Amino acid sequence: MAGGWAKDGAVSEQIEASIEDELARMKGRKVPVGESLTECAECGEEIPEKRRQAIPGVKLCVDCASERDGAANARGGINRRGSKDSQLR
């Protein structure tokens, strides 16, 4: 049940929109292609054979990949579509 200015089902629509946004973001991620490197492209450390077999086309060692992934996840966990500010615009 919605209250105030929101229509019925507004919460469900907001949740679905958030899920669609996240799925679109995940689909946009680049997947490594080609032959794996034996040494990390950033730090030069050797990439273990098991990692090269598990992820074909890998270019980064575990540490550099984790560091890069952590930097990409530095976004707020607030659903802006559900905030009152977004409803006033």
PDB file of N, CA and C in Angstrom:
ATOM      1  N   MET A   1       0.839  -1.171   0.000  1.00  0.00           N
ATOM      2  CA  MET A   1       0.000   0.000   0.000  1.00  0.00           C
ATOM      3  C   MET A   1       0.885   1.236   0.000  1.00  0.00           C
ATOM      4  N   ALA A   2       0.662   2.110  -0.914  1.00  0.00           N
ATOM      5  CA  ALA A   2       1.435   3.344  -1.005  1.00  0.00           C
ATOM      6  C   ALA A   2       0.726   4.455  -0.246  1.00  0.00           C
ATOM      7  N   GLY A   3       1.494   5.401   0.210  1.00  0.00           N
ATOM      8  CA  GLY A   3       0.904   6.526   0.930  1.00  0.00           C
ATOM      9  C   GLY A   3       1.394   7.833   0.356  1.00  0.00           C
ATOM     10  N   GLY A   4       0.749   8.911   0.716  1.00  0.00           N
ATOM     11  CA  GLY A   4       1.173  10.220   0.232  1.00  0.00           C
ATOM     12  C   GLY A   4       0.924  10.361  -1.254  1.00  0.00           C
ATOM     13  N   TRP A   5       1.937  10.845  -1.979  1.00  0.00           N
ATOM     14  CA  TRP A   5       1.795  11.100  -3.411  1.00  0.00           C
ATOM     15  C   TRP A   5       2.098   9.871  -4.264  1.00  0.00           C
ATOM     16  N   ALA A   6       2.645   8.847  -3.661  1.00  0.00           N
ATOM     17  CA  ALA A   6       3.034   7.656  -4.429  1.00  0.00           C
ATOM     18  C   ALA A   6       1.809   6.822  -4.788  1.00  0.00           C
ATOM     19  N   LYS A   7       1.837   6.229  -5.963  1.00  0.00           N
ATOM     20  CA  LYS A   7       0.735   5.370  -6.393  1.00  0.00           C
ATOM     21  C   LYS A   7       0.915   3.964  -5.841  1.00  0.00           C
ATOM     22  N   ASP A   8      -0.114   3.149  -5.903  1.00  0.00           N
ATOM     23  CA  ASP A   8      -0.023   1.775  -5.452  1.00  0.00           C
ATOM     24  C   ASP A   8       1.020   1.026  -6.273  1.00  0.00           C
ATOM     25  N   GLY A   9       1.837   0.221  -5.608  1.00  0.00           N
ATOM     26  CA  GLY A   9       2.868  -0.549  -6.289  1.00  0.00           C
ATOM     27  C   GLY A   9       4.149   0.222  -6.543  1.00  0.00           C
ATOM     28  N   ALA A  10       4.247   1.440  -6.017  1.00  0.00           N
ATOM     29  CA  ALA A  10       5.426   2.263  -6.271  1.00  0.00           C
ATOM     30  C   ALA A  10       6.690   1.644  -5.682  1.00  0.00           C
ATOM     31  N   VAL A  11       6.582   1.033  -4.520  1.00  0.00           N
ATOM     32  CA  VAL A  11       7.743   0.420  -3.884  1.00  0.00           C
ATOM     33  C   VAL A  11       8.249  -0.737  -4.737  1.00  0.00           C
ATOM     34  N   SER A  12       7.343  -1.565  -5.224  1.00  0.00           N
ATOM     35  CA  SER A  12       7.737  -2.684  -6.085  1.00  0.00           C
ATOM     36  C   SER A  12       8.410  -2.190  -7.350  1.00  0.00           C
ATOM     37  N   GLU A  13       7.892  -1.118  -7.929  1.00  0.00           N
ATOM     38  CA  GLU A  13       8.492  -0.549  -9.136  1.00  0.00           C
ATOM     39  C   GLU A  13       9.903  -0.031  -8.854  1.00  0.00           C
ATOM     40  N   GLN A  14      10.095   0.575  -7.695  1.00  0.00           N
ATOM     41  CA  GLN A  14      11.414   1.078  -7.330  1.00  0.00           C
ATOM     42  C   GLN A  14      12.403  -0.068  -7.160  1.00  0.00           C
ATOM     43  N   ILE A  15      11.968  -1.142  -6.522  1.00  0.00           N
ATOM     44  CA  ILE A  15      12.834  -2.308  -6.330  1.00  0.00           C
ATOM     45  C   ILE A  15      13.188  -2.916  -7.678  1.00  0.00           C
ATOM     46  N   GLU A  16      12.210  -3.092  -8.547  1.00  0.00           N
ATOM     47  CA  GLU A  16      12.454  -3.656  -9.869  1.00  0.00           C
ATOM     48  C   GLU A  16      13.395  -2.774 -10.684  1.00  0.00           C
ATOM     49  N   ALA A  17      13.229  -1.458 -10.590  1.00  0.00           N
ATOM     50  CA  ALA A  17      14.101  -0.545 -11.320  1.00  0.00           C
ATOM     51  C   ALA A  17      15.537  -0.633 -10.801  1.00  0.00           C
ATOM     52  N   SER A  18      15.704  -0.775  -9.493  1.00  0.00           N
ATOM     53  CA  SER A  18      17.041  -0.915  -8.920  1.00  0.00           C
ATOM     54  C   SER A  18      17.703  -2.204  -9.401  1.00  0.00           C
ATOM     55  N   ILE A  19      16.928  -3.284  -9.458  1.00  0.00           N
ATOM     56  CA  ILE A  19      17.455  -4.557  -9.929  1.00  0.00           C
ATOM     57  C   ILE A  19      17.845  -4.463 -11.397  1.00  0.00           C
ATOM     58  N   GLU A  20      17.008  -3.831 -12.211  1.00  0.00           N
ATOM     59  CA  GLU A  20      17.315  -3.663 -13.631  1.00  0.00           C
ATOM     60  C   GLU A  20      18.582  -2.829 -13.828  1.00  0.00           C
ATOM     61  N   ASP A  21      18.748  -1.778 -13.031  1.00  0.00           N
ATOM     62  CA  ASP A  21      19.955  -0.951 -13.122  1.00  0.00           C
ATOM     63  C   ASP A  21      21.202  -1.767 -12.805  1.00  0.00           C
ATOM     64  N   GLU A  22      21.128  -2.571 -11.765  1.00  0.00           N
ATOM     65  CA  GLU A  22      22.278  -3.384 -11.362  1.00  0.00           C
ATOM     66  C   GLU A  22      22.590  -4.437 -12.415  1.00  0.00           C
ATOM     67  N   LEU A  23      21.570  -5.069 -12.978  1.00  0.00           N
ATOM     68  CA  LEU A  23      21.796  -6.063 -14.035  1.00  0.00           C
ATOM     69  C   LEU A  23      22.432  -5.423 -15.262  1.00  0.00           C
ATOM     70  N   ALA A  24      21.984  -4.227 -15.619  1.00  0.00           N
ATOM     71  CA  ALA A  24      22.570  -3.519 -16.750  1.00  0.00           C
ATOM     72  C   ALA A  24      24.032  -3.183 -16.482  1.00  0.00           C
ATOM     73  N   ARG A  25      24.330  -2.799 -15.243  1.00  0.00           N
ATOM     74  CA  ARG A  25      25.710  -2.489 -14.873  1.00  0.00           C
ATOM     75  C   ARG A  25      26.581  -3.731 -14.961  1.00  0.00           C
ATOM     76  N   MET A  26      26.050  -4.870 -14.504  1.00  0.00           N
ATOM     77  CA  MET A  26      26.808  -6.122 -14.537  1.00  0.00           C
ATOM     78  C   MET A  26      27.042  -6.591 -15.969  1.00  0.00           C
ATOM     79  N   LYS A  27      26.057  -6.399 -16.847  1.00  0.00           N
ATOM     80  CA  LYS A  27      26.218  -6.797 -18.248  1.00  0.00           C
ATOM     81  C   LYS A  27      27.253  -5.952 -18.948  1.00  0.00           C
ATOM     82  N   GLY A  28      27.458  -4.736 -18.482  1.00  0.00           N
ATOM     83  CA  GLY A  28      28.415  -3.829 -19.090  1.00  0.00           C
ATOM     84  C   GLY A  28      29.860  -4.105 -18.698  1.00  0.00           C
ATOM     85  N   ARG A  29      30.084  -5.012 -17.741  1.00  0.00           N
ATOM     86  CA  ARG A  29      31.446  -5.324 -17.310  1.00  0.00           C
ATOM     87  C   ARG A  29      32.202  -6.027 -18.428  1.00  0.00           C
ATOM     88  N   LYS A  30      33.445  -5.704 -18.547  1.00  0.00           N
ATOM     89  CA  LYS A  30      34.271  -6.304 -19.592  1.00  0.00           C
ATOM     90  C   LYS A  30      34.832  -7.638 -19.115  1.00  0.00           C
ATOM     91  N   VAL A  31      34.711  -8.644 -19.954  1.00  0.00           N
ATOM     92  CA  VAL A  31      35.230  -9.970 -19.666  1.00  0.00           C
ATOM     93  C   VAL A  31      36.563 -10.119 -20.393  1.00  0.00           C
ATOM     94  N   PRO A  32      37.600 -10.615 -19.696  1.00  0.00           N
ATOM     95  CA  PRO A  32      38.888 -10.775 -20.361  1.00  0.00           C
ATOM     96  C   PRO A  32      38.778 -11.723 -21.561  1.00  0.00           C
ATOM     97  N   VAL A  33      39.438 -11.381 -22.637  1.00  0.00           N
ATOM     98  CA  VAL A  33      39.469 -12.231 -23.823  1.00  0.00           C
ATOM     99  C   VAL A  33      40.913 -12.361 -24.282  1.00  0.00           C
ATOM    100  N   GLY A  34      41.161 -13.371 -25.096  1.00  0.00           N
ATOM    101  CA  GLY A  34      42.503 -13.596 -25.611  1.00  0.00           C
ATOM    102  C   GLY A  34      43.310 -14.480 -24.696  1.00  0.00           C
ATOM    103  N   GLU A  35      44.593 -14.463 -24.918  1.00  0.00           N
ATOM    104  CA  GLU A  35      45.491 -15.310 -24.145  1.00  0.00           C
ATOM    105  C   GLU A  35      45.855 -14.632 -22.828  1.00  0.00           C
ATOM    106  N   SER A  36      45.946 -15.429 -21.766  1.00  0.00           N
ATOM    107  CA  SER A  36      46.314 -14.899 -20.459  1.00  0.00           C
ATOM    108  C   SER A  36      47.778 -14.477 -20.445  1.00  0.00           C
ATOM    109  N   LEU A  37      48.064 -13.449 -19.671  1.00  0.00           N
ATOM    110  CA  LEU A  37      49.446 -13.034 -19.479  1.00  0.00           C
ATOM    111  C   LEU A  37      50.090 -13.882 -18.389  1.00  0.00           C
ATOM    112  N   THR A  38      51.382 -14.067 -18.448  1.00  0.00           N
ATOM    113  CA  THR A  38      52.077 -14.803 -17.394  1.00  0.00           C
ATOM    114  C   THR A  38      52.461 -13.872 -16.247  1.00  0.00           C
ATOM    115  N   GLU A  39      52.566 -12.562 -16.554  1.00  0.00           N
ATOM    116  CA  GLU A  39      52.879 -11.572 -15.534  1.00  0.00           C
ATOM    117  C   GLU A  39      51.792 -10.499 -15.526  1.00  0.00           C
ATOM    118  N   CYS A  40      51.519  -9.963 -14.354  1.00  0.00           N
ATOM    119  CA  CYS A  40      50.489  -8.931 -14.183  1.00  0.00           C
ATOM    120  C   CYS A  40      50.822  -7.701 -15.014  1.00  0.00           C
ATOM    121  N   ALA A  41      49.817  -7.155 -15.686  1.00  0.00           N
ATOM    122  CA  ALA A  41      50.005  -5.978 -16.531  1.00  0.00           C
ATOM    123  C   ALA A  41      50.290  -4.717 -15.712  1.00  0.00           C
ATOM    124  N   GLU A  42      49.930  -4.718 -14.416  1.00  0.00           N
ATOM    125  CA  GLU A  42      50.131  -3.514 -13.598  1.00  0.00           C
ATOM    126  C   GLU A  42      51.375  -3.586 -12.730  1.00  0.00           C
ATOM    127  N   CYS A  43      51.551  -4.695 -11.994  1.00  0.00           N
ATOM    128  CA  CYS A  43      52.666  -4.753 -11.039  1.00  0.00           C
ATOM    129  C   CYS A  43      53.817  -5.648 -11.489  1.00  0.00           C
ATOM    130  N   GLY A  44      53.594  -6.504 -12.488  1.00  0.00           N
ATOM    131  CA  GLY A  44      54.652  -7.359 -12.986  1.00  0.00           C
ATOM    132  C   GLY A  44      54.816  -8.676 -12.245  1.00  0.00           C
ATOM    133  N   GLU A  45      54.008  -8.912 -11.210  1.00  0.00           N
ATOM    134  CA  GLU A  45      54.070 -10.180 -10.470  1.00  0.00           C
ATOM    135  C   GLU A  45      53.603 -11.327 -11.357  1.00  0.00           C
ATOM    136  N   GLU A  46      54.107 -12.525 -11.090  1.00  0.00           N
ATOM    137  CA  GLU A  46      53.698 -13.692 -11.863  1.00  0.00           C
ATOM    138  C   GLU A  46      52.243 -14.049 -11.536  1.00  0.00           C
ATOM    139  N   ILE A  47      51.473 -14.340 -12.563  1.00  0.00           N
ATOM    140  CA  ILE A  47      50.085 -14.783 -12.380  1.00  0.00           C
ATOM    141  C   ILE A  47      50.113 -16.299 -12.298  1.00  0.00           C
ATOM    142  N   PRO A  48      49.597 -16.893 -11.198  1.00  0.00           N
ATOM    143  CA  PRO A  48      49.636 -18.351 -11.039  1.00  0.00           C
ATOM    144  C   PRO A  48      48.931 -19.083 -12.188  1.00  0.00           C
ATOM    145  N   GLU A  49      49.456 -20.253 -12.522  1.00  0.00           N
ATOM    146  CA  GLU A  49      48.915 -21.066 -13.610  1.00  0.00           C
ATOM    147  C   GLU A  49      47.441 -21.391 -13.385  1.00  0.00           C
ATOM    148  N   LYS A  50      47.061 -21.702 -12.152  1.00  0.00           N
ATOM    149  CA  LYS A  50      45.657 -22.042 -11.866  1.00  0.00           C
ATOM    150  C   LYS A  50      44.729 -20.867 -12.142  1.00  0.00           C
ATOM    151  N   ARG A  51      45.190 -19.654 -11.860  1.00  0.00           N
ATOM    152  CA  ARG A  51      44.368 -18.465 -12.148  1.00  0.00           C
ATOM    153  C   ARG A  51      44.231 -18.283 -13.659  1.00  0.00           C
ATOM    154  N   ARG A  52      45.314 -18.500 -14.395  1.00  0.00           N
ATOM    155  CA  ARG A  52      45.267 -18.363 -15.852  1.00  0.00           C
ATOM    156  C   ARG A  52      44.339 -19.396 -16.487  1.00  0.00           C
ATOM    157  N   GLN A  53      44.272 -20.588 -15.890  1.00  0.00           N
ATOM    158  CA  GLN A  53      43.370 -21.624 -16.399  1.00  0.00           C
ATOM    159  C   GLN A  53      41.921 -21.323 -16.032  1.00  0.00           C
ATOM    160  N   ALA A  54      41.710 -20.790 -14.831  1.00  0.00           N
ATOM    161  CA  ALA A  54      40.354 -20.520 -14.347  1.00  0.00           C
ATOM    162  C   ALA A  54      39.715 -19.341 -15.078  1.00  0.00           C
ATOM    163  N   ILE A  55      40.523 -18.331 -15.414  1.00  0.00           N
ATOM    164  CA  ILE A  55      40.001 -17.128 -16.071  1.00  0.00           C
ATOM    165  C   ILE A  55      40.795 -16.903 -17.359  1.00  0.00           C
ATOM    166  N   PRO A  56      40.335 -17.474 -18.467  1.00  0.00           N
ATOM    167  CA  PRO A  56      41.049 -17.275 -19.728  1.00  0.00           C
ATOM    168  C   PRO A  56      41.098 -15.781 -20.092  1.00  0.00           C
ATOM    169  N   GLY A  57      42.270 -15.320 -20.477  1.00  0.00           N
ATOM    170  CA  GLY A  57      42.428 -13.922 -20.857  1.00  0.00           C
ATOM    171  C   GLY A  57      42.761 -13.006 -19.700  1.00  0.00           C
ATOM    172  N   VAL A  58      43.069 -13.569 -18.540  1.00  0.00           N
ATOM    173  CA  VAL A  58      43.349 -12.749 -17.359  1.00  0.00           C
ATOM    174  C   VAL A  58      44.622 -11.929 -17.577  1.00  0.00           C
ATOM    175  N   LYS A  59      44.590 -10.678 -17.159  1.00  0.00           N
ATOM    176  CA  LYS A  59      45.721  -9.762 -17.348  1.00  0.00           C
ATOM    177  C   LYS A  59      46.298  -9.251 -16.028  1.00  0.00           C
ATOM    178  N   LEU A  60      45.546  -9.432 -14.922  1.00  0.00           N
ATOM    179  CA  LEU A  60      45.969  -8.897 -13.621  1.00  0.00           C
ATOM    180  C   LEU A  60      46.115 -10.000 -12.583  1.00  0.00           C
ATOM    181  N   CYS A  61      47.024  -9.799 -11.633  1.00  0.00           N
ATOM    182  CA  CYS A  61      47.147 -10.722 -10.502  1.00  0.00           C
ATOM    183  C   CYS A  61      45.954 -10.504  -9.559  1.00  0.00           C
ATOM    184  N   VAL A  62      45.819 -11.357  -8.579  1.00  0.00           N
ATOM    185  CA  VAL A  62      44.681 -11.283  -7.660  1.00  0.00           C
ATOM    186  C   VAL A  62      44.664  -9.954  -6.906  1.00  0.00           C
ATOM    187  N   ASP A  63      45.824  -9.509  -6.433  1.00  0.00           N
ATOM    188  CA  ASP A  63      45.889  -8.266  -5.661  1.00  0.00           C
ATOM    189  C   ASP A  63      45.464  -7.052  -6.497  1.00  0.00           C
ATOM    190  N   CYS A  64      45.994  -6.952  -7.707  1.00  0.00           N
ATOM    191  CA  CYS A  64      45.651  -5.803  -8.563  1.00  0.00           C
ATOM    192  C   CYS A  64      44.188  -5.857  -8.998  1.00  0.00           C
ATOM    193  N   ALA A  65      43.682  -7.066  -9.285  1.00  0.00           N
ATOM    194  CA  ALA A  65      42.282  -7.204  -9.670  1.00  0.00           C
ATOM    195  C   ALA A  65      41.369  -6.825  -8.510  1.00  0.00           C
ATOM    196  N   SER A  66      41.717  -7.239  -7.301  1.00  0.00           N
ATOM    197  CA  SER A  66      40.918  -6.894  -6.126  1.00  0.00           C
ATOM    198  C   SER A  66      40.932  -5.396  -5.875  1.00  0.00           C
ATOM    199  N   GLU A  67      42.096  -4.796  -6.050  1.00  0.00           N
ATOM    200  CA  GLU A  67      42.223  -3.354  -5.852  1.00  0.00           C
ATOM    201  C   GLU A  67      41.362  -2.595  -6.864  1.00  0.00           C
ATOM    202  N   ARG A  68      41.404  -3.040  -8.117  1.00  0.00           N
ATOM    203  CA  ARG A  68      40.620  -2.389  -9.173  1.00  0.00           C
ATOM    204  C   ARG A  68      39.121  -2.591  -8.936  1.00  0.00           C
ATOM    205  N   ASP A  69      38.719  -3.785  -8.543  1.00  0.00           N
ATOM    206  CA  ASP A  69      37.303  -4.057  -8.268  1.00  0.00           C
ATOM    207  C   ASP A  69      36.806  -3.234  -7.085  1.00  0.00           C
ATOM    208  N   GLY A  70      37.638  -3.074  -6.075  1.00  0.00           N
ATOM    209  CA  GLY A  70      37.253  -2.287  -4.907  1.00  0.00           C
ATOM    210  C   GLY A  70      37.032  -0.832  -5.247  1.00  0.00           C
ATOM    211  N   ALA A  71      37.837  -0.296  -6.161  1.00  0.00           N
ATOM    212  CA  ALA A  71      37.685   1.104  -6.561  1.00  0.00           C
ATOM    213  C   ALA A  71      36.393   1.308  -7.338  1.00  0.00           C
ATOM    214  N   ALA A  72      35.964   0.305  -8.079  1.00  0.00           N
ATOM    215  CA  ALA A  72      34.743   0.433  -8.875  1.00  0.00           C
ATOM    216  C   ALA A  72      33.490   0.369  -8.002  1.00  0.00           C
ATOM    217  N   ASN A  73      33.587  -0.246  -6.835  1.00  0.00           N
ATOM    218  CA  ASN A  73      32.427  -0.415  -5.967  1.00  0.00           C
ATOM    219  C   ASN A  73      32.247   0.733  -4.982  1.00  0.00           C
ATOM    220  N   ALA A  74      32.949   1.819  -5.169  1.00  0.00           N
ATOM    221  CA  ALA A  74      32.867   2.933  -4.241  1.00  0.00           C
ATOM    222  C   ALA A  74      31.677   3.824  -4.577  1.00  0.00           C
ATOM    223  N   ARG A  75      30.495   3.246  -4.569  1.00  0.00           N
ATOM    224  CA  ARG A  75      29.287   4.028  -4.833  1.00  0.00           C
ATOM    225  C   ARG A  75      28.332   3.861  -3.665  1.00  0.00           C
ATOM    226  N   GLY A  76      27.467   4.812  -3.506  1.00  0.00           N
ATOM    227  CA  GLY A  76      26.555   4.807  -2.375  1.00  0.00           C
ATOM    228  C   GLY A  76      25.522   3.701  -2.459  1.00  0.00           C
ATOM    229  N   GLY A  77      25.083   3.234  -1.314  1.00  0.00           N
ATOM    230  CA  GLY A  77      24.086   2.189  -1.283  1.00  0.00           C
ATOM    231  C   GLY A  77      22.687   2.731  -1.091  1.00  0.00           C
ATOM    232  N   ILE A  78      22.475   3.979  -1.475  1.00  0.00           N
ATOM    233  CA  ILE A  78      21.177   4.609  -1.271  1.00  0.00           C
ATOM    234  C   ILE A  78      20.360   4.483  -2.550  1.00  0.00           C
ATOM    235  N   ASN A  79      19.123   4.087  -2.398  1.00  0.00           N
ATOM    236  CA  ASN A  79      18.222   3.997  -3.543  1.00  0.00           C
ATOM    237  C   ASN A  79      17.681   5.395  -3.799  1.00  0.00           C
ATOM    238  N   ARG A  80      18.271   6.102  -4.741  1.00  0.00           N
ATOM    239  CA  ARG A  80      17.876   7.485  -5.012  1.00  0.00           C
ATOM    240  C   ARG A  80      16.459   7.569  -5.572  1.00  0.00           C
ATOM    241  N   ARG A  81      16.014   6.529  -6.246  1.00  0.00           N
ATOM    242  CA  ARG A  81      14.655   6.568  -6.789  1.00  0.00           C
ATOM    243  C   ARG A  81      13.622   6.607  -5.665  1.00  0.00           C
ATOM    244  N   GLY A  82      13.967   6.045  -4.523  1.00  0.00           N
ATOM    245  CA  GLY A  82      13.018   5.996  -3.421  1.00  0.00           C
ATOM    246  C   GLY A  82      13.136   7.170  -2.461  1.00  0.00           C
ATOM    247  N   SER A  83      14.089   8.070  -2.696  1.00  0.00           N
ATOM    248  CA  SER A  83      14.251   9.184  -1.775  1.00  0.00           C
ATOM    249  C   SER A  83      13.216  10.270  -2.071  1.00  0.00           C
ATOM    250  N   LYS A  84      12.907  11.046  -1.078  1.00  0.00           N
ATOM    251  CA  LYS A  84      11.921  12.116  -1.261  1.00  0.00           C
ATOM    252  C   LYS A  84      12.416  13.177  -2.240  1.00  0.00           C
ATOM    253  N   ASP A  85      13.756  13.406  -2.260  1.00  0.00           N
ATOM    254  CA  ASP A  85      14.303  14.392  -3.180  1.00  0.00           C
ATOM    255  C   ASP A  85      13.998  14.026  -4.626  1.00  0.00           C
ATOM    256  N   SER A  86      14.142  12.735  -4.946  1.00  0.00           N
ATOM    257  CA  SER A  86      13.916  12.331  -6.342  1.00  0.00           C
ATOM    258  C   SER A  86      12.436  12.435  -6.712  1.00  0.00           C
ATOM    259  N   GLN A  87      11.549  12.335  -5.740  1.00  0.00           N
ATOM    260  CA  GLN A  87      10.132  12.416  -6.017  1.00  0.00           C
ATOM    261  C   GLN A  87       9.670  13.860  -6.232  1.00  0.00           C
ATOM    262  N   LEU A  88      10.480  14.808  -5.741  1.00  0.00           N
ATOM    263  CA  LEU A  88      10.121  16.219  -5.885  1.00  0.00           C
ATOM    264  C   LEU A  88      10.534  16.785  -7.237  1.00  0.00           C
ATOM    265  N   ARG A  89      11.402  16.079  -7.953  1.00  0.00           N
ATOM    266  CA  ARG A  89      11.889  16.588  -9.239  1.00  0.00           C
ATOM    267  C   ARG A  89      10.937  16.317 -10.356  1.00  0.00           C
TER     268      ARG A  89
END
